Amino acid sequence: MNIQPQTDGQSYEYTTFPRAFVTYAWFKPLLVALLTAVFTLMIVGITLLIGLLWLGDPGLMGEVMGNSSSPYYYSGPGLLMAAGGVAGFLPALALAERIVRGRPFSSYSSSRGGWNWAAFVKCFVLAAIVFGAELVAMAFAMPDAGADGINKFTIIGAVICIVVVPLQAAAEEYIYRGLLMQAIGSWTKLPALAVVLSAIIFGISHSRYEVLGITAVSIQGLGFAFLAWYSRGLEASSAAHAANNLSVFIFSGLGLGSGGSGGIETVLISSGVMLLYCACIVLLDRKFNWFTSQGDGVTAFNEKYGSKAA
C-alpha cells in the first residue's frame, strides 16, 4: 500500500516546511529552542510555586514530585506540577517564535494551513478507542502489582487531569515533532532522517525509565513522527499522545494499574498498538481524506516579510 501523504493542490512536505519561508535561516531553530527553554523554566517555576502554596508545606514537595503514589498527586498539586510544567512548552514555543520571527507559529501545527480541529477530533476518538482498549486488555492479561482499586482522584484533580494532560501531550508534539523534527528536516532535507532522529531523541529524553521503557517510548515516538510526516501536521500524533497519556493517568488514578509489567511483552504490545493506530489513520485518510489543506500561509507570510528578509 502506498503510504505517501495525500496532497491537494500546492503542498509542502512537513519536515522541511520551514525552508518555504523567506525568513528561514539555519540558526533560527536554535534561537527558538534557547528562548523556549528559558520561558519554559519560568513557567515551571510558576507551577512549582502554585503547587507549593497549594500543599502548604515545603517538606511535601519531595514526596509529591514524580511520585504518583502520593495522595497529593491525583488530588491536584502533583498533577499540576508534573504535567503543567511540560504543558508550559506550548506557550513558551509560541512566544519564542514570535520573538525570532523565523516563520509563523501555525507552520509548527501543519504544512496544510495550521491546526485542523475536525481532523484532531476524529483522530482523538480513534486513539481513545485503541489506546483505552490496550490498557483494559493489559489490566486483565497482565495485572499490575500496583493496582489496588482505590480511587485517588478528587474532583479538582480529575479536572486538572482532563485539561492539563492533553496540553502536556500536545506541547511535547510541538517540541519533538514540530521544533525538533522540522529543524532536522530543514537542515538535512532528509525527511526519513528527521523522523528517526527525533524519535530516538524523544526516547532518550525519557531517561527516568529503564532500557525497555526508553525503547518503548522511542518506538512510540517513531509512530508519532511518522504520523506527523504522513498527515503533514500534528493533529494525529497529538491525538494519539493525548489519548495514551490520559488513559495511563486515569487508569493509575483509579487504582487500575498503569498498563503492563514493563517487560518485553509490554514493549511488544505497545508497539503493536501504535502500529495499529498508524495503519487505521492511513486507511481512514485514504478513504475519507481527513487531512485536507486549508491554505499553507506561505504566500501571505512571504509577501509580508519578504522585503525585510531581503
Protein backbone atom coordinates (compact mmCIF):
# COMPACT_ATOMS: atom_id res chain seq x y z
CA MET A 1 0.00 0.00 0.00
CA ASN A 2 1.26 3.47 -0.88
CA ILE A 3 1.62 5.45 2.34
CA GLN A 4 2.81 8.69 0.80
CA PRO A 5 0.81 11.67 2.11
CA GLN A 6 -2.19 12.64 0.03
CA THR A 7 -1.88 16.09 -1.49
CA ASP A 8 -4.30 18.59 -2.91
CA GLY A 9 -3.02 21.50 -4.96
CA GLN A 10 0.06 23.30 -3.59
CA SER A 11 1.55 21.07 -0.92
CA TYR A 12 4.61 21.21 1.33
CA GLU A 13 6.39 18.30 2.98
CA TYR A 14 6.14 18.73 6.76
CA THR A 15 9.70 18.14 7.97
CA THR A 16 11.29 20.60 5.51
CA PHE A 17 8.43 23.12 5.66
CA PRO A 18 10.45 25.88 7.44
CA ARG A 19 12.53 26.33 4.29
CA ALA A 20 9.43 27.56 2.43
CA PHE A 21 9.56 30.90 4.29
CA VAL A 22 11.78 33.76 3.14
CA THR A 23 12.89 34.47 6.71
CA TYR A 24 14.32 30.96 7.15
CA ALA A 25 17.88 30.70 8.44
CA TRP A 26 19.59 27.56 9.72
CA PHE A 27 20.36 29.09 13.14
CA LYS A 28 16.84 30.29 13.93
CA PRO A 29 15.60 26.91 15.27
CA LEU A 30 18.49 27.07 17.76
CA LEU A 31 17.46 30.54 18.90
CA VAL A 32 13.85 29.41 19.22
CA ALA A 33 14.94 26.35 21.23
CA LEU A 34 17.04 28.50 23.58
CA LEU A 35 14.27 31.03 24.19
CA THR A 36 11.72 28.23 24.59
CA ALA A 37 13.89 26.62 27.28
CA VAL A 38 14.18 29.93 29.16
CA PHE A 39 10.46 30.67 29.03
CA THR A 40 9.59 27.09 29.98
CA LEU A 41 11.80 27.28 33.07
CA MET A 42 9.90 30.40 34.09
CA ILE A 43 6.55 28.63 33.63
CA VAL A 44 7.81 25.57 35.53
CA GLY A 45 8.83 27.87 38.36
CA ILE A 46 5.33 29.34 38.45
CA THR A 47 3.67 25.90 38.50
CA LEU A 48 6.01 24.78 41.30
CA LEU A 49 5.18 27.89 43.30
CA ILE A 50 1.44 27.28 42.84
CA GLY A 51 1.93 23.66 43.86
CA LEU A 52 3.91 24.69 46.92
CA LEU A 53 1.26 27.18 48.01
CA TRP A 54 -1.39 24.53 47.42
CA LEU A 55 0.43 21.96 49.54
CA GLY A 56 1.17 24.50 52.25
CA ASP A 57 4.25 22.59 53.39
CA PRO A 58 7.64 22.74 51.59
CA GLY A 59 8.51 19.39 53.13
CA LEU A 60 5.87 17.68 50.98
CA MET A 61 7.48 18.74 47.69
CA GLY A 62 9.91 15.82 47.66
CA GLU A 63 7.10 13.37 48.36
CA VAL A 64 4.85 14.69 45.59
CA MET A 65 7.27 15.37 42.73
CA GLY A 66 7.34 12.39 40.39
CA ASN A 67 5.60 10.16 42.93
CA SER A 68 2.21 9.15 41.55
CA SER A 69 1.56 7.00 44.64
CA SER A 70 1.41 10.11 46.84
CA PRO A 71 -2.11 11.06 48.00
CA TYR A 72 -1.31 14.62 46.89
CA TYR A 73 -0.61 13.61 43.30
CA TYR A 74 -4.07 12.84 41.92
CA SER A 75 -5.75 15.29 44.25
CA GLY A 76 -4.30 18.09 42.15
CA PRO A 77 -0.93 19.55 43.20
CA GLY A 78 1.22 16.69 41.91
CA LEU A 79 -0.55 16.51 38.54
CA LEU A 80 -0.35 20.28 38.12
CA MET A 81 3.38 20.36 38.80
CA ALA A 82 4.19 17.27 36.73
CA ALA A 83 2.01 17.86 33.67
CA GLY A 84 1.59 21.63 33.93
CA GLY A 85 5.30 22.31 33.68
CA VAL A 86 5.60 20.27 30.48
CA ALA A 87 2.47 21.92 29.06
CA GLY A 88 4.35 25.19 29.50
CA PHE A 89 6.41 24.27 26.42
CA LEU A 90 3.44 25.29 24.27
CA PRO A 91 3.12 29.00 25.21
CA ALA A 92 6.91 29.17 25.58
CA LEU A 93 7.43 27.99 21.99
CA ALA A 94 4.76 30.37 20.67
CA LEU A 95 6.39 33.33 22.43
CA ALA A 96 9.89 32.31 21.32
CA GLU A 97 8.84 32.02 17.67
CA ARG A 98 7.10 35.38 17.84
CA ILE A 99 10.35 36.98 19.01
CA VAL A 100 12.62 35.24 16.48
CA ARG A 101 10.10 35.52 13.61
CA GLY A 102 11.63 32.76 11.56
CA ARG A 103 8.19 31.61 10.41
CA PRO A 104 4.53 31.69 11.53
CA PHE A 105 3.66 29.60 14.57
CA SER A 106 0.97 27.85 12.50
CA SER A 107 3.75 26.19 10.50
CA TYR A 108 4.50 24.01 13.53
CA SER A 109 0.89 22.79 13.53
CA SER A 110 0.95 21.66 9.91
CA SER A 111 2.14 22.43 6.39
CA ARG A 112 -1.56 22.44 5.38
CA GLY A 113 -2.51 25.80 6.87
CA GLY A 114 -2.44 25.47 10.65
CA TRP A 115 -4.35 23.31 13.11
CA ASN A 116 -7.34 21.30 11.82
CA TRP A 117 -9.78 20.71 14.69
CA ALA A 118 -12.02 18.38 12.71
CA ALA A 119 -9.08 16.09 11.94
CA PHE A 120 -7.94 16.19 15.57
CA VAL A 121 -11.36 15.20 16.96
CA LYS A 122 -11.63 12.26 14.56
CA CYS A 123 -8.12 11.11 15.41
CA PHE A 124 -8.72 11.50 19.15
CA VAL A 125 -11.87 9.36 19.09
CA LEU A 126 -9.96 6.64 17.25
CA ALA A 127 -6.98 6.95 19.59
CA ALA A 128 -9.14 6.82 22.71
CA ILE A 129 -10.66 3.55 21.50
CA VAL A 130 -7.33 2.00 20.52
CA PHE A 131 -5.20 3.04 23.50
CA GLY A 132 -8.03 2.68 26.01
CA ALA A 133 -8.68 -0.87 24.80
CA GLU A 134 -4.96 -1.61 25.16
CA LEU A 135 -4.95 -0.70 28.86
CA VAL A 136 -8.16 -2.62 29.54
CA ALA A 137 -6.76 -5.72 27.84
CA MET A 138 -3.44 -5.45 29.67
CA ALA A 139 -5.19 -4.95 33.02
CA PHE A 140 -6.86 -8.35 32.54
CA ALA A 141 -3.97 -10.17 30.85
CA MET A 142 -1.13 -8.78 32.99
CA PRO A 143 -2.46 -7.50 36.33
CA ASP A 144 -0.36 -4.65 37.72
CA ALA A 145 1.02 -5.15 41.21
CA GLY A 146 0.21 -1.50 41.93
CA ALA A 147 -3.48 -1.91 41.06
CA ASP A 148 -5.34 -1.53 44.36
CA GLY A 149 -8.77 -0.48 43.04
CA ILE A 150 -8.70 2.70 45.14
CA ASN A 151 -9.78 5.96 43.51
CA LYS A 152 -7.11 8.59 44.21
CA PHE A 153 -8.77 11.41 42.26
CA THR A 154 -10.53 14.37 43.80
CA ILE A 155 -12.90 16.38 41.62
CA ILE A 156 -10.36 19.13 41.04
CA GLY A 157 -7.64 16.54 40.43
CA ALA A 158 -9.79 14.89 37.76
CA VAL A 159 -10.43 18.26 36.10
CA ILE A 160 -6.71 19.06 36.06
CA CYS A 161 -6.00 15.65 34.55
CA ILE A 162 -8.59 16.03 31.77
CA VAL A 163 -7.49 19.59 30.92
CA VAL A 164 -3.73 19.66 31.51
CA VAL A 165 -2.63 16.18 30.36
CA PRO A 166 -3.79 16.71 26.73
CA LEU A 167 -1.98 20.07 26.76
CA GLN A 168 1.12 18.31 28.05
CA ALA A 169 0.91 15.78 25.20
CA ALA A 170 0.36 18.50 22.58
CA ALA A 171 3.28 20.52 23.96
CA GLU A 172 5.59 17.53 23.57
CA GLU A 173 4.40 17.08 19.98
CA TYR A 174 5.15 20.73 19.18
CA ILE A 175 8.62 20.39 20.69
CA TYR A 176 9.69 16.98 19.37
CA ARG A 177 7.76 16.75 16.09
CA GLY A 178 7.37 20.47 15.44
CA LEU A 179 10.53 22.23 16.54
CA LEU A 180 13.00 19.30 16.61
CA MET A 181 11.87 17.21 13.63
CA GLN A 182 11.33 20.23 11.42
CA ALA A 183 14.75 21.62 12.41
CA ILE A 184 16.48 18.36 11.44
CA GLY A 185 14.43 18.14 8.25
CA SER A 186 15.19 21.72 7.24
CA TRP A 187 18.92 21.24 7.91
CA THR A 188 19.35 17.89 6.17
CA LYS A 189 16.47 17.91 3.64
CA LEU A 190 16.07 14.21 4.56
CA PRO A 191 12.59 13.54 5.99
CA ALA A 192 13.37 9.93 6.92
CA LEU A 193 16.40 11.01 8.95
CA ALA A 194 14.33 13.69 10.69
CA VAL A 195 11.67 11.12 11.59
CA VAL A 196 14.14 8.59 13.00
CA LEU A 197 16.41 11.01 14.87
CA SER A 198 13.51 12.86 16.50
CA ALA A 199 12.09 9.53 17.70
CA ILE A 200 15.42 8.46 19.20
CA ILE A 201 15.86 11.79 20.99
CA PHE A 202 12.28 11.58 22.23
CA GLY A 203 13.02 8.17 23.76
CA ILE A 204 16.34 9.20 25.30
CA SER A 205 14.71 12.27 26.87
CA HIS A 206 12.63 9.86 28.98
CA SER A 207 15.81 8.73 30.73
CA ARG A 208 13.97 8.16 34.03
CA TYR A 209 12.78 4.88 32.51
CA GLU A 210 14.84 1.71 32.23
CA VAL A 211 16.15 0.43 28.90
CA LEU A 212 12.92 -1.32 27.91
CA GLY A 213 10.90 1.75 28.83
CA ILE A 214 13.13 4.01 26.72
CA THR A 215 12.84 1.51 23.86
CA ALA A 216 9.04 1.54 24.08
CA VAL A 217 8.94 5.34 24.16
CA SER A 218 11.32 5.55 21.18
CA ILE A 219 9.11 3.22 19.15
CA GLN A 220 6.08 5.23 20.15
CA GLY A 221 7.94 8.38 19.14
CA LEU A 222 8.66 6.80 15.78
CA GLY A 223 4.91 6.30 15.34
CA PHE A 224 4.19 9.91 16.32
CA ALA A 225 6.86 11.18 13.91
CA PHE A 226 5.51 9.03 11.08
CA LEU A 227 2.02 10.39 11.68
CA ALA A 228 3.26 13.99 11.61
CA TRP A 229 5.11 13.33 8.35
CA TYR A 230 2.26 11.40 6.75
CA SER A 231 -0.53 13.80 7.72
CA ARG A 232 1.68 16.88 7.27
CA GLY A 233 0.70 18.07 10.72
CA LEU A 234 0.42 17.34 14.43
CA GLU A 235 -3.28 16.52 14.83
CA ALA A 236 -2.95 12.71 14.54
CA SER A 237 0.17 12.45 16.70
CA SER A 238 -1.18 14.85 19.34
CA ALA A 239 -4.45 12.88 19.49
CA ALA A 240 -2.57 9.61 20.00
CA HIS A 241 -0.20 11.13 22.54
CA ALA A 242 -3.07 12.72 24.50
CA ALA A 243 -5.23 9.58 24.45
CA ASN A 244 -2.30 7.40 25.55
CA ASN A 245 -1.28 9.70 28.41
CA LEU A 246 -4.85 10.28 29.55
CA SER A 247 -5.54 6.54 29.59
CA VAL A 248 -2.46 5.88 31.73
CA PHE A 249 -3.19 8.73 34.16
CA ILE A 250 -6.87 7.81 34.51
CA PHE A 251 -6.23 4.09 35.00
CA SER A 252 -3.49 4.77 37.52
CA GLY A 253 -5.56 7.38 39.38
CA LEU A 254 -8.49 4.99 39.63
CA GLY A 255 -6.22 2.31 41.05
CA LEU A 256 -6.49 0.05 37.99
CA GLY A 257 -2.77 -0.07 37.21
CA SER A 258 -0.53 1.80 34.79
CA GLY A 259 -0.54 -0.66 31.90
CA GLY A 260 1.61 -3.75 31.95
CA SER A 261 4.63 -5.05 33.78
CA GLY A 262 7.28 -3.02 31.99
CA GLY A 263 8.81 -6.18 30.49
CA ILE A 264 9.45 -7.08 26.88
CA GLU A 265 5.83 -8.13 26.44
CA THR A 266 4.70 -4.60 27.29
CA VAL A 267 7.08 -3.17 24.68
CA LEU A 268 5.75 -5.56 22.04
CA ILE A 269 2.11 -4.84 22.86
CA SER A 270 2.54 -1.04 22.95
CA SER A 271 4.46 -1.18 19.66
CA GLY A 272 1.73 -3.29 18.06
CA VAL A 273 -0.97 -0.90 19.25
CA MET A 274 0.98 2.07 17.86
CA LEU A 275 1.30 0.28 14.52
CA LEU A 276 -2.43 -0.48 14.54
CA TYR A 277 -3.29 3.17 15.17
CA CYS A 278 -0.96 4.37 12.38
CA ALA A 279 -2.47 1.84 9.94
CA CYS A 280 -6.01 2.95 10.85
CA ILE A 281 -5.08 6.61 10.30
CA VAL A 282 -3.64 5.87 6.85
CA LEU A 283 -6.62 3.74 5.80
CA LEU A 284 -9.22 6.21 7.07
CA ASP A 285 -7.43 9.14 5.48
CA ARG A 286 -7.26 7.28 2.16
CA LYS A 287 -10.98 6.69 2.30
CA PHE A 288 -12.27 9.95 3.81
CA ASN A 289 -9.44 12.43 3.18
CA TRP A 290 -9.13 13.62 6.78
CA PHE A 291 -6.10 15.88 6.35
CA THR A 292 -7.23 18.42 3.77
CA SER A 293 -5.31 21.61 3.06
CA GLN A 294 -6.62 24.88 4.46
CA GLY A 295 -4.05 27.05 2.68
CA ASP A 296 -0.45 26.86 3.85
CA GLY A 297 0.05 30.54 4.71
CA VAL A 298 3.40 30.72 2.92
CA THR A 299 2.45 33.32 0.32
CA ALA A 300 0.92 35.77 2.79
CA PHE A 301 3.86 35.45 5.20
CA ASN A 302 6.48 35.82 2.47
CA GLU A 303 4.76 38.86 1.00
CA LYS A 304 4.65 40.49 4.44
CA TYR A 305 8.25 39.77 5.44
CA GLY A 306 9.92 39.32 2.03
CA SER A 307 11.24 42.88 1.75
CA LYS A 308 12.56 42.79 5.32
CA ALA A 309 14.31 39.47 4.67
CA ALA A 310 15.90 40.90 1.52
